[in-house]
Amino acid sequence: QVQLMESGGGLVQAGGSLKLSCAASGDVSDRVTMGWYRQSPGNQHEPVARLFSDDYREYEDPVKGRFTISREKADNMISLSMTDLKPEDTAVYYCNVREEIFPFRDFWGQGTQVTVSS
């Protein structure tokens, strides 16, 4: 099993910055995709950014150029640096670890709230 614990959410004004962190513990393989998803009221759970085991990074269009995903392998930490935040970035952000090989397990954190005021 893998346990994920997010931190770093909070309230920020539009144009500001926040950094989210996710500590992974337990049976964390090297062959995983680690990512961030978000969900705002009335909207579906959506991907934000993903970091694959080969270091390829993928960002959704609304956050390109503003958000950066990174991983510290030694500590099994992943981060999401968010700049130029907009009110529409307000959501609960979830950390995700997905195994790229069998048994393809999927793990989620409990979520951290990010609120951007206008």
Protein backbone atom coordinates (compact mmCIF):
# COMPACT_ATOMS: atom_id res chain seq x y z
CA GLN A 1 0.00 0.00 0.00
CA VAL A 2 0.96 3.60 -0.55
CA GLN A 3 -0.09 6.44 1.69
CA LEU A 4 -0.20 10.03 0.44
CA MET A 5 -0.35 13.18 2.52
CA GLU A 6 -0.80 16.59 0.90
CA SER A 7 0.10 19.93 2.44
CA GLY A 8 0.47 23.54 1.40
CA GLY A 9 -3.04 24.57 0.49
CA GLY A 10 -4.55 27.81 1.66
CA LEU A 11 -6.03 31.16 0.74
CA VAL A 12 -4.22 33.44 -1.69
CA GLN A 13 -5.09 36.50 -3.72
CA ALA A 14 -5.31 36.35 -7.49
CA GLY A 15 -1.86 36.64 -9.00
CA GLY A 16 -0.25 35.03 -6.00
CA SER A 17 1.62 31.76 -5.62
CA LEU A 18 1.35 28.57 -3.61
CA LYS A 19 3.31 25.36 -3.44
CA LEU A 20 1.60 22.07 -2.72
CA SER A 21 3.56 19.09 -1.46
CA CYS A 22 2.70 15.42 -1.25
CA ALA A 23 4.62 12.93 0.85
CA ALA A 24 4.38 9.34 -0.33
CA SER A 25 5.11 6.50 2.05
CA GLY A 26 4.85 2.74 1.92
CA ASP A 27 5.46 0.53 -1.08
CA VAL A 28 6.31 3.21 -3.67
CA SER A 29 7.69 1.80 -6.90
CA ASP A 30 10.01 3.66 -9.27
CA ARG A 31 7.61 2.85 -12.13
CA VAL A 32 4.79 5.20 -11.17
CA THR A 33 3.11 8.25 -12.57
CA MET A 34 2.67 10.88 -9.91
CA GLY A 35 0.22 13.66 -10.40
CA TRP A 36 -2.13 16.30 -9.15
CA TYR A 37 -5.86 16.49 -9.77
CA ARG A 38 -8.45 18.96 -8.61
CA GLN A 39 -12.15 19.25 -8.06
CA SER A 40 -14.15 22.41 -7.57
CA PRO A 41 -17.82 22.56 -6.51
CA GLY A 42 -20.12 21.50 -9.30
CA ASN A 43 -17.29 20.29 -11.48
CA GLN A 44 -15.78 16.93 -12.20
CA HIS A 45 -12.52 15.65 -10.86
CA GLU A 46 -9.92 16.76 -13.42
CA PRO A 47 -6.21 16.26 -13.97
CA VAL A 48 -3.86 19.19 -13.47
CA ALA A 49 -0.35 17.87 -14.01
CA ARG A 50 1.38 14.51 -14.21
CA LEU A 51 4.98 13.38 -13.95
CA PHE A 52 5.77 10.02 -15.51
CA SER A 53 8.55 7.70 -14.42
CA ASP A 54 10.65 8.72 -17.44
CA ASP A 55 10.45 12.37 -16.25
CA TYR A 56 7.97 13.37 -18.94
CA ARG A 57 5.69 16.09 -17.64
CA GLU A 58 2.16 16.70 -18.82
CA TYR A 59 0.06 19.76 -17.99
CA GLU A 60 -3.56 20.55 -18.70
CA ASP A 61 -4.13 23.63 -20.82
CA PRO A 62 -5.58 25.89 -18.07
CA VAL A 63 -2.36 25.62 -16.02
CA LYS A 64 0.34 25.50 -18.67
CA GLY A 65 3.02 28.07 -18.05
CA ARG A 66 1.80 28.71 -14.52
CA PHE A 67 2.14 25.40 -12.68
CA THR A 68 5.20 23.18 -12.34
CA ILE A 69 5.23 19.61 -11.10
CA SER A 70 8.40 18.14 -9.63
CA ARG A 71 9.53 15.08 -7.73
CA GLU A 72 12.21 14.50 -5.12
CA LYS A 73 12.82 10.79 -5.52
CA ALA A 74 15.01 10.45 -2.46
CA ASP A 75 12.19 11.63 -0.26
CA ASN A 76 9.27 10.32 -2.34
CA MET A 77 7.86 13.82 -2.41
CA ILE A 78 6.05 15.49 -5.25
CA SER A 79 5.30 19.16 -5.45
CA LEU A 80 3.11 21.47 -7.45
CA SER A 81 4.36 25.03 -7.69
CA MET A 82 1.51 27.32 -8.69
CA THR A 83 2.04 30.89 -9.84
CA ASP A 84 -0.22 33.60 -11.22
CA LEU A 85 -3.16 31.94 -9.51
CA LYS A 86 -6.66 32.74 -10.72
CA PRO A 87 -10.02 32.45 -8.97
CA GLU A 88 -10.87 29.57 -11.29
CA ASP A 89 -7.98 27.61 -9.77
CA THR A 90 -10.00 27.37 -6.56
CA ALA A 91 -10.52 23.69 -5.82
CA VAL A 92 -9.57 20.79 -3.63
CA TYR A 93 -6.27 19.45 -4.96
CA TYR A 94 -5.50 15.75 -4.74
CA CYS A 95 -2.19 13.96 -5.02
CA ASN A 96 -2.20 10.73 -7.04
CA VAL A 97 0.22 7.86 -7.54
CA ARG A 98 -0.55 5.39 -10.31
CA GLU A 99 1.55 2.31 -10.98
CA GLU A 100 2.67 1.97 -14.59
CA ILE A 101 3.16 -1.79 -14.32
CA PHE A 102 1.11 -4.65 -12.92
CA PRO A 103 -0.89 -4.55 -10.69
CA PHE A 104 -1.54 -0.94 -11.83
CA ARG A 105 -2.68 0.24 -8.42
CA ASP A 106 -4.02 3.75 -7.95
CA PHE A 107 -3.59 5.75 -4.74
CA TRP A 108 -5.04 9.08 -3.63
CA GLY A 109 -4.37 11.61 -0.93
CA GLN A 110 -7.08 13.18 1.16
CA GLY A 111 -6.96 16.51 -0.66
CA THR A 112 -5.96 20.04 0.26
CA GLN A 113 -8.05 23.16 -0.32
CA VAL A 114 -6.76 25.98 -2.47
CA THR A 115 -8.82 29.16 -2.52
CA VAL A 116 -7.95 32.08 -4.77
CA SER A 117 -9.72 35.35 -4.04
CA SER A 118 -10.31 37.98 -6.69
